[in-house]
Amino acid sequence: ASGGLMLDALDIKPGTVDGEDLFKEFQKFG
């Protein structure tokens, strides 16, 4: 449909997972 970068940016390509460090960084500052 597009061939663009949207799925890469949104982390919803096969094999991508949300990093625990990013979650912790959000949590650290409330």
PDB file of all heavy atoms in Angstrom:
ATOM      1  N   ALA A   1       0.811  -1.221   0.000  1.00  0.00           N
ATOM      2  CA  ALA A   1       0.000   0.000   0.000  1.00  0.00           C
ATOM      3  C   ALA A   1       0.842   1.267   0.000  1.00  0.00           C
ATOM      4  O   ALA A   1       0.461   2.281  -0.595  1.00  0.00           O
ATOM      5  CB  ALA A   1      -0.923   0.004   1.228  1.00  0.00           C
ATOM      6  N   SER A   2       2.009   1.226   0.654  1.00  0.00           N
ATOM      7  CA  SER A   2       2.793   2.444   0.817  1.00  0.00           C
ATOM      8  C   SER A   2       4.287   2.236   0.600  1.00  0.00           C
ATOM      9  O   SER A   2       4.919   2.998  -0.120  1.00  0.00           O
ATOM     10  CB  SER A   2       2.569   3.018   2.232  1.00  0.00           C
ATOM     11  OG  SER A   2       3.465   4.055   2.527  1.00  0.00           O
ATOM     12  N   GLY A   3       4.842   1.228   1.256  1.00  0.00           N
ATOM     13  CA  GLY A   3       6.282   1.001   1.175  1.00  0.00           C
ATOM     14  C   GLY A   3       7.109   1.980   1.977  1.00  0.00           C
ATOM     15  O   GLY A   3       8.315   2.099   1.779  1.00  0.00           O
ATOM     16  N   GLY A   4       6.459   2.684   2.911  1.00  0.00           N
ATOM     17  CA  GLY A   4       7.139   3.721   3.679  1.00  0.00           C
ATOM     18  C   GLY A   4       7.748   3.228   4.984  1.00  0.00           C
ATOM     19  O   GLY A   4       8.076   2.050   5.153  1.00  0.00           O
ATOM     20  N   LEU A   5       7.871   4.166   5.927  1.00  0.00           N
ATOM     21  CA  LEU A   5       8.586   3.920   7.188  1.00  0.00           C
ATOM     22  C   LEU A   5       7.673   3.876   8.409  1.00  0.00           C
ATOM     23  O   LEU A   5       8.159   3.748   9.534  1.00  0.00           O
ATOM     24  CB  LEU A   5       9.632   5.026   7.398  1.00  0.00           C
ATOM     25  CG  LEU A   5      10.721   5.145   6.339  1.00  0.00           C
ATOM     26  CD1 LEU A   5      11.457   6.484   6.496  1.00  0.00           C
ATOM     27  CD2 LEU A   5      11.704   3.992   6.439  1.00  0.00           C
ATOM     28  N   MET A   6       6.366   3.962   8.203  1.00  0.00           N
ATOM     29  CA  MET A   6       5.448   4.087   9.330  1.00  0.00           C
ATOM     30  C   MET A   6       5.560   2.939  10.329  1.00  0.00           C
ATOM     31  O   MET A   6       5.648   3.156  11.537  1.00  0.00           O
ATOM     32  CB  MET A   6       3.997   4.189   8.827  1.00  0.00           C
ATOM     33  CG  MET A   6       2.960   4.272   9.946  1.00  0.00           C
ATOM     34  SD  MET A   6       1.307   4.633   9.323  1.00  0.00           S
ATOM     35  CE  MET A   6       0.953   3.155   8.370  1.00  0.00           C
ATOM     36  N   LEU A   7       5.569   1.703   9.856  1.00  0.00           N
ATOM     37  CA  LEU A   7       5.622   0.560  10.766  1.00  0.00           C
ATOM     38  C   LEU A   7       6.939   0.501  11.523  1.00  0.00           C
ATOM     39  O   LEU A   7       6.978   0.096  12.689  1.00  0.00           O
ATOM     40  CB  LEU A   7       5.388  -0.752  10.003  1.00  0.00           C
ATOM     41  CG  LEU A   7       4.076  -0.886   9.237  1.00  0.00           C
ATOM     42  CD1 LEU A   7       3.937  -2.308   8.687  1.00  0.00           C
ATOM     43  CD2 LEU A   7       2.866  -0.550  10.115  1.00  0.00           C
ATOM     44  N   ASP A   8       8.035   0.908  10.856  1.00  0.00           N
ATOM     45  CA  ASP A   8       9.336   0.963  11.532  1.00  0.00           C
ATOM     46  C   ASP A   8       9.290   1.948  12.692  1.00  0.00           C
ATOM     47  O   ASP A   8       9.759   1.653  13.799  1.00  0.00           O
ATOM     48  CB  ASP A   8      10.436   1.392  10.560  1.00  0.00           C
ATOM     49  CG  ASP A   8      10.626   0.407   9.419  1.00  0.00           C
ATOM     50  OD1 ASP A   8       9.914   0.542   8.405  1.00  0.00           O
ATOM     51  OD2 ASP A   8      11.466  -0.491   9.555  1.00  0.00           O
ATOM     52  N   ALA A   9       8.735   3.130  12.437  1.00  0.00           N
ATOM     53  CA  ALA A   9       8.689   4.168  13.464  1.00  0.00           C
ATOM     54  C   ALA A   9       7.778   3.771  14.627  1.00  0.00           C
ATOM     55  O   ALA A   9       8.088   4.040  15.789  1.00  0.00           O
ATOM     56  CB  ALA A   9       8.211   5.485  12.862  1.00  0.00           C
ATOM     57  N   LEU A  10       6.667   3.096  14.317  1.00  0.00           N
ATOM     58  CA  LEU A  10       5.690   2.738  15.352  1.00  0.00           C
ATOM     59  C   LEU A  10       6.031   1.434  16.079  1.00  0.00           C
ATOM     60  O   LEU A  10       5.288   1.012  16.969  1.00  0.00           O
ATOM     61  CB  LEU A  10       4.292   2.610  14.728  1.00  0.00           C
ATOM     62  CG  LEU A  10       3.707   3.879  14.097  1.00  0.00           C
ATOM     63  CD1 LEU A  10       2.345   3.582  13.480  1.00  0.00           C
ATOM     64  CD2 LEU A  10       3.582   5.003  15.128  1.00  0.00           C
ATOM     65  N   ASP A  11       7.126   0.792  15.706  1.00  0.00           N
ATOM     66  CA  ASP A  11       7.536  -0.470  16.352  1.00  0.00           C
ATOM     67  C   ASP A  11       6.482  -1.565  16.222  1.00  0.00           C
ATOM     68  O   ASP A  11       6.191  -2.278  17.183  1.00  0.00           O
ATOM     69  CB  ASP A  11       7.825  -0.260  17.851  1.00  0.00           C
ATOM     70  CG  ASP A  11       9.156   0.404  18.091  1.00  0.00           C
ATOM     71  OD1 ASP A  11      10.025   0.315  17.209  1.00  0.00           O
ATOM     72  OD2 ASP A  11       9.329   1.023  19.154  1.00  0.00           O
ATOM     73  N   ILE A  12       5.927  -1.710  15.036  1.00  0.00           N
ATOM     74  CA  ILE A  12       4.957  -2.790  14.850  1.00  0.00           C
ATOM     75  C   ILE A  12       5.319  -3.648  13.629  1.00  0.00           C
ATOM     76  O   ILE A  12       4.440  -4.139  12.926  1.00  0.00           O
ATOM     77  CB  ILE A  12       3.492  -2.271  14.752  1.00  0.00           C
ATOM     78  CG1 ILE A  12       3.369  -1.106  13.764  1.00  0.00           C
ATOM     79  CG2 ILE A  12       2.969  -1.880  16.104  1.00  0.00           C
ATOM     80  CD1 ILE A  12       1.939  -0.664  13.558  1.00  0.00           C
ATOM     81  N   LYS A  13       6.617  -3.818  13.443  1.00  0.00           N
ATOM     82  CA  LYS A  13       7.071  -4.773  12.440  1.00  0.00           C
ATOM     83  C   LYS A  13       7.410  -6.085  13.132  1.00  0.00           C
ATOM     84  O   LYS A  13       7.666  -6.116  14.337  1.00  0.00           O
ATOM     85  CB  LYS A  13       8.305  -4.226  11.705  1.00  0.00           C
ATOM     86  CG  LYS A  13       8.008  -3.043  10.801  1.00  0.00           C
ATOM     87  CD  LYS A  13       9.181  -2.701   9.917  1.00  0.00           C
ATOM     88  CE  LYS A  13       9.338  -3.689   8.788  1.00  0.00           C
ATOM     89  NZ  LYS A  13      10.364  -3.271   7.804  1.00  0.00           N
ATOM     90  N   PRO A  14       7.400  -7.201  12.383  1.00  0.00           N
ATOM     91  CA  PRO A  14       7.731  -8.495  12.995  1.00  0.00           C
ATOM     92  C   PRO A  14       9.090  -8.451  13.691  1.00  0.00           C
ATOM     93  O   PRO A  14      10.064  -7.905  13.148  1.00  0.00           O
ATOM     94  CB  PRO A  14       7.764  -9.447  11.795  1.00  0.00           C
ATOM     95  CG  PRO A  14       6.927  -8.801  10.752  1.00  0.00           C
ATOM     96  CD  PRO A  14       7.099  -7.331  10.943  1.00  0.00           C
ATOM     97  N   GLY A  15       9.141  -8.988  14.895  1.00  0.00           N
ATOM     98  CA  GLY A  15      10.411  -9.058  15.618  1.00  0.00           C
ATOM     99  C   GLY A  15      10.734  -7.852  16.469  1.00  0.00           C
ATOM    100  O   GLY A  15      11.673  -7.873  17.258  1.00  0.00           O
ATOM    101  N   THR A  16       9.948  -6.769  16.361  1.00  0.00           N
ATOM    102  CA  THR A  16      10.213  -5.589  17.188  1.00  0.00           C
ATOM    103  C   THR A  16       9.452  -5.701  18.502  1.00  0.00           C
ATOM    104  O   THR A  16       8.326  -6.181  18.545  1.00  0.00           O
ATOM    105  CB  THR A  16       9.787  -4.292  16.477  1.00  0.00           C
ATOM    106  OG1 THR A  16       8.393  -4.380  16.128  1.00  0.00           O
ATOM    107  CG2 THR A  16      10.596  -4.072  15.225  1.00  0.00           C
ATOM    108  N   VAL A  17      10.087  -5.276  19.547  1.00  0.00           N
ATOM    109  CA  VAL A  17       9.448  -5.287  20.873  1.00  0.00           C
ATOM    110  C   VAL A  17       9.734  -3.965  21.557  1.00  0.00           C
ATOM    111  O   VAL A  17      10.746  -3.315  21.296  1.00  0.00           O
ATOM    112  CB  VAL A  17       9.970  -6.438  21.758  1.00  0.00           C
ATOM    113  CG1 VAL A  17       9.525  -7.777  21.236  1.00  0.00           C
ATOM    114  CG2 VAL A  17      11.492  -6.393  21.872  1.00  0.00           C
ATOM    115  N   ASP A  18       8.845  -3.565  22.436  1.00  0.00           N
ATOM    116  CA  ASP A  18       9.059  -2.344  23.206  1.00  0.00           C
ATOM    117  C   ASP A  18      10.189  -2.561  24.195  1.00  0.00           C
ATOM    118  O   ASP A  18      10.223  -3.556  24.911  1.00  0.00           O
ATOM    119  CB  ASP A  18       7.781  -1.981  23.970  1.00  0.00           C
ATOM    120  CG  ASP A  18       6.933  -0.992  23.196  1.00  0.00           C
ATOM    121  OD1 ASP A  18       7.353  -0.618  22.098  1.00  0.00           O
ATOM    122  OD2 ASP A  18       5.859  -0.620  23.686  1.00  0.00           O
ATOM    123  N   GLY A  19      11.130  -1.631  24.227  1.00  0.00           N
ATOM    124  CA  GLY A  19      12.247  -1.741  25.153  1.00  0.00           C
ATOM    125  C   GLY A  19      11.823  -1.427  26.577  1.00  0.00           C
ATOM    126  O   GLY A  19      11.080  -0.466  26.816  1.00  0.00           O
ATOM    127  N   GLU A  20      12.312  -2.209  27.505  1.00  0.00           N
ATOM    128  CA  GLU A  20      12.004  -2.006  28.914  1.00  0.00           C
ATOM    129  C   GLU A  20      12.589  -0.681  29.398  1.00  0.00           C
ATOM    130  O   GLU A  20      12.020  -0.017  30.261  1.00  0.00           O
ATOM    131  CB  GLU A  20      12.576  -3.175  29.728  1.00  0.00           C
ATOM    132  CG  GLU A  20      12.156  -3.191  31.172  1.00  0.00           C
ATOM    133  CD  GLU A  20      10.671  -3.467  31.380  1.00  0.00           C
ATOM    134  OE1 GLU A  20      10.035  -4.032  30.462  1.00  0.00           O
ATOM    135  OE2 GLU A  20      10.156  -3.122  32.453  1.00  0.00           O
ATOM    136  N   ASP A  21      13.741  -0.295  28.839  1.00  0.00           N
ATOM    137  CA  ASP A  21      14.389   0.947  29.265  1.00  0.00           C
ATOM    138  C   ASP A  21      13.512   2.159  28.991  1.00  0.00           C
ATOM    139  O   ASP A  21      13.462   3.094  29.796  1.00  0.00           O
ATOM    140  CB  ASP A  21      15.737   1.114  28.559  1.00  0.00           C
ATOM    141  CG  ASP A  21      16.776   0.130  29.053  1.00  0.00           C
ATOM    142  OD1 ASP A  21      16.545  -0.473  30.124  1.00  0.00           O
ATOM    143  OD2 ASP A  21      17.809  -0.054  28.372  1.00  0.00           O
ATOM    144  N   LEU A  22      12.829   2.171  27.845  1.00  0.00           N
ATOM    145  CA  LEU A  22      11.964   3.298  27.513  1.00  0.00           C
ATOM    146  C   LEU A  22      10.803   3.391  28.493  1.00  0.00           C
ATOM    147  O   LEU A  22      10.459   4.475  28.983  1.00  0.00           O
ATOM    148  CB  LEU A  22      11.440   3.160  26.082  1.00  0.00           C
ATOM    149  CG  LEU A  22      10.523   4.283  25.580  1.00  0.00           C
ATOM    150  CD1 LEU A  22      11.213   5.641  25.671  1.00  0.00           C
ATOM    151  CD2 LEU A  22      10.084   4.005  24.147  1.00  0.00           C
ATOM    152  N   PHE A  23      10.210   2.262  28.808  1.00  0.00           N
ATOM    153  CA  PHE A  23       9.111   2.236  29.778  1.00  0.00           C
ATOM    154  C   PHE A  23       9.589   2.767  31.130  1.00  0.00           C
ATOM    155  O   PHE A  23       8.917   3.575  31.782  1.00  0.00           O
ATOM    156  CB  PHE A  23       8.581   0.810  29.921  1.00  0.00           C
ATOM    157  CG  PHE A  23       7.580   0.639  31.033  1.00  0.00           C
ATOM    158  CD1 PHE A  23       6.263   1.053  30.890  1.00  0.00           C
ATOM    159  CD2 PHE A  23       7.970   0.083  32.242  1.00  0.00           C
ATOM    160  CE1 PHE A  23       5.348   0.914  31.924  1.00  0.00           C
ATOM    161  CE2 PHE A  23       7.059  -0.072  33.279  1.00  0.00           C
ATOM    162  CZ  PHE A  23       5.748   0.353  33.119  1.00  0.00           C
ATOM    163  N   LYS A  24      10.777   2.330  31.546  1.00  0.00           N
ATOM    164  CA  LYS A  24      11.315   2.761  32.844  1.00  0.00           C
ATOM    165  C   LYS A  24      11.617   4.250  32.872  1.00  0.00           C
ATOM    166  O   LYS A  24      11.450   4.914  33.895  1.00  0.00           O
ATOM    167  CB  LYS A  24      12.584   1.973  33.167  1.00  0.00           C
ATOM    168  CG  LYS A  24      12.335   0.522  33.568  1.00  0.00           C
ATOM    169  CD  LYS A  24      13.639  -0.197  33.868  1.00  0.00           C
ATOM    170  CE  LYS A  24      13.384  -1.644  34.286  1.00  0.00           C
ATOM    171  NZ  LYS A  24      14.659  -2.373  34.518  1.00  0.00           N
ATOM    172  N   GLU A  25      12.066   4.775  31.732  1.00  0.00           N
ATOM    173  CA  GLU A  25      12.378   6.202  31.664  1.00  0.00           C
ATOM    174  C   GLU A  25      11.112   7.036  31.814  1.00  0.00           C
ATOM    175  O   GLU A  25      11.110   8.072  32.487  1.00  0.00           O
ATOM    176  CB  GLU A  25      13.080   6.520  30.345  1.00  0.00           C
ATOM    177  CG  GLU A  25      13.777   7.864  30.306  1.00  0.00           C
ATOM    178  CD  GLU A  25      14.893   8.010  31.324  1.00  0.00           C
ATOM    179  OE1 GLU A  25      15.599   7.014  31.604  1.00  0.00           O
ATOM    180  OE2 GLU A  25      15.045   9.134  31.860  1.00  0.00           O
ATOM    181  N   PHE A  26      10.028   6.615  31.185  1.00  0.00           N
ATOM    182  CA  PHE A  26       8.737   7.295  31.363  1.00  0.00           C
ATOM    183  C   PHE A  26       8.308   7.208  32.829  1.00  0.00           C
ATOM    184  O   PHE A  26       7.874   8.200  33.426  1.00  0.00           O
ATOM    185  CB  PHE A  26       7.668   6.654  30.470  1.00  0.00           C
ATOM    186  CG  PHE A  26       7.556   7.303  29.116  1.00  0.00           C
ATOM    187  CD1 PHE A  26       8.472   7.023  28.113  1.00  0.00           C
ATOM    188  CD2 PHE A  26       6.534   8.191  28.834  1.00  0.00           C
ATOM    189  CE1 PHE A  26       8.374   7.614  26.866  1.00  0.00           C
ATOM    190  CE2 PHE A  26       6.416   8.794  27.586  1.00  0.00           C
ATOM    191  CZ  PHE A  26       7.348   8.500  26.594  1.00  0.00           C
ATOM    192  N   GLN A  27       8.426   6.024  33.379  1.00  0.00           N
ATOM    193  CA  GLN A  27       7.991   5.779  34.754  1.00  0.00           C
ATOM    194  C   GLN A  27       8.815   6.597  35.752  1.00  0.00           C
ATOM    195  O   GLN A  27       8.282   7.102  36.751  1.00  0.00           O
ATOM    196  CB  GLN A  27       8.118   4.283  35.060  1.00  0.00           C
ATOM    197  CG  GLN A  27       7.337   3.805  36.258  1.00  0.00           C
ATOM    198  CD  GLN A  27       7.426   2.292  36.395  1.00  0.00           C
ATOM    199  OE1 GLN A  27       8.499   1.706  36.295  1.00  0.00           O
ATOM    200  NE2 GLN A  27       6.296   1.657  36.636  1.00  0.00           N
ATOM    201  N   LYS A  28      10.104   6.742  35.473  1.00  0.00           N
ATOM    202  CA  LYS A  28      11.015   7.452  36.375  1.00  0.00           C
ATOM    203  C   LYS A  28      10.546   8.876  36.645  1.00  0.00           C
ATOM    204  O   LYS A  28      10.687   9.398  37.757  1.00  0.00           O
ATOM    205  CB  LYS A  28      12.418   7.454  35.760  1.00  0.00           C
ATOM    206  CG  LYS A  28      13.458   8.232  36.520  1.00  0.00           C
ATOM    207  CD  LYS A  28      14.792   8.166  35.778  1.00  0.00           C
ATOM    208  CE  LYS A  28      15.847   9.041  36.418  1.00  0.00           C
ATOM    209  NZ  LYS A  28      17.130   9.001  35.647  1.00  0.00           N
ATOM    210  N   PHE A  29       9.988   9.531  35.634  1.00  0.00           N
ATOM    211  CA  PHE A  29       9.545  10.916  35.782  1.00  0.00           C
ATOM    212  C   PHE A  29       8.028  11.015  36.013  1.00  0.00           C
ATOM    213  O   PHE A  29       7.456  12.093  35.904  1.00  0.00           O
ATOM    214  CB  PHE A  29       9.947  11.732  34.559  1.00  0.00           C
ATOM    215  CG  PHE A  29      11.426  12.020  34.503  1.00  0.00           C
ATOM    216  CD1 PHE A  29      12.286  11.168  33.832  1.00  0.00           C
ATOM    217  CD2 PHE A  29      11.952  13.128  35.141  1.00  0.00           C
ATOM    218  CE1 PHE A  29      13.649  11.415  33.787  1.00  0.00           C
ATOM    219  CE2 PHE A  29      13.308  13.388  35.105  1.00  0.00           C
ATOM    220  CZ  PHE A  29      14.164  12.524  34.433  1.00  0.00           C
ATOM    221  N   GLY A  30       7.428   9.879  36.307  1.00  0.00           N
ATOM    222  CA  GLY A  30       5.997   9.895  36.612  1.00  0.00           C
ATOM    223  C   GLY A  30       5.103   9.989  35.407  1.00  0.00           C
ATOM    224  O   GLY A  30       3.935  10.363  35.513  1.00  0.00           O
TER     225      GLY A  30
END
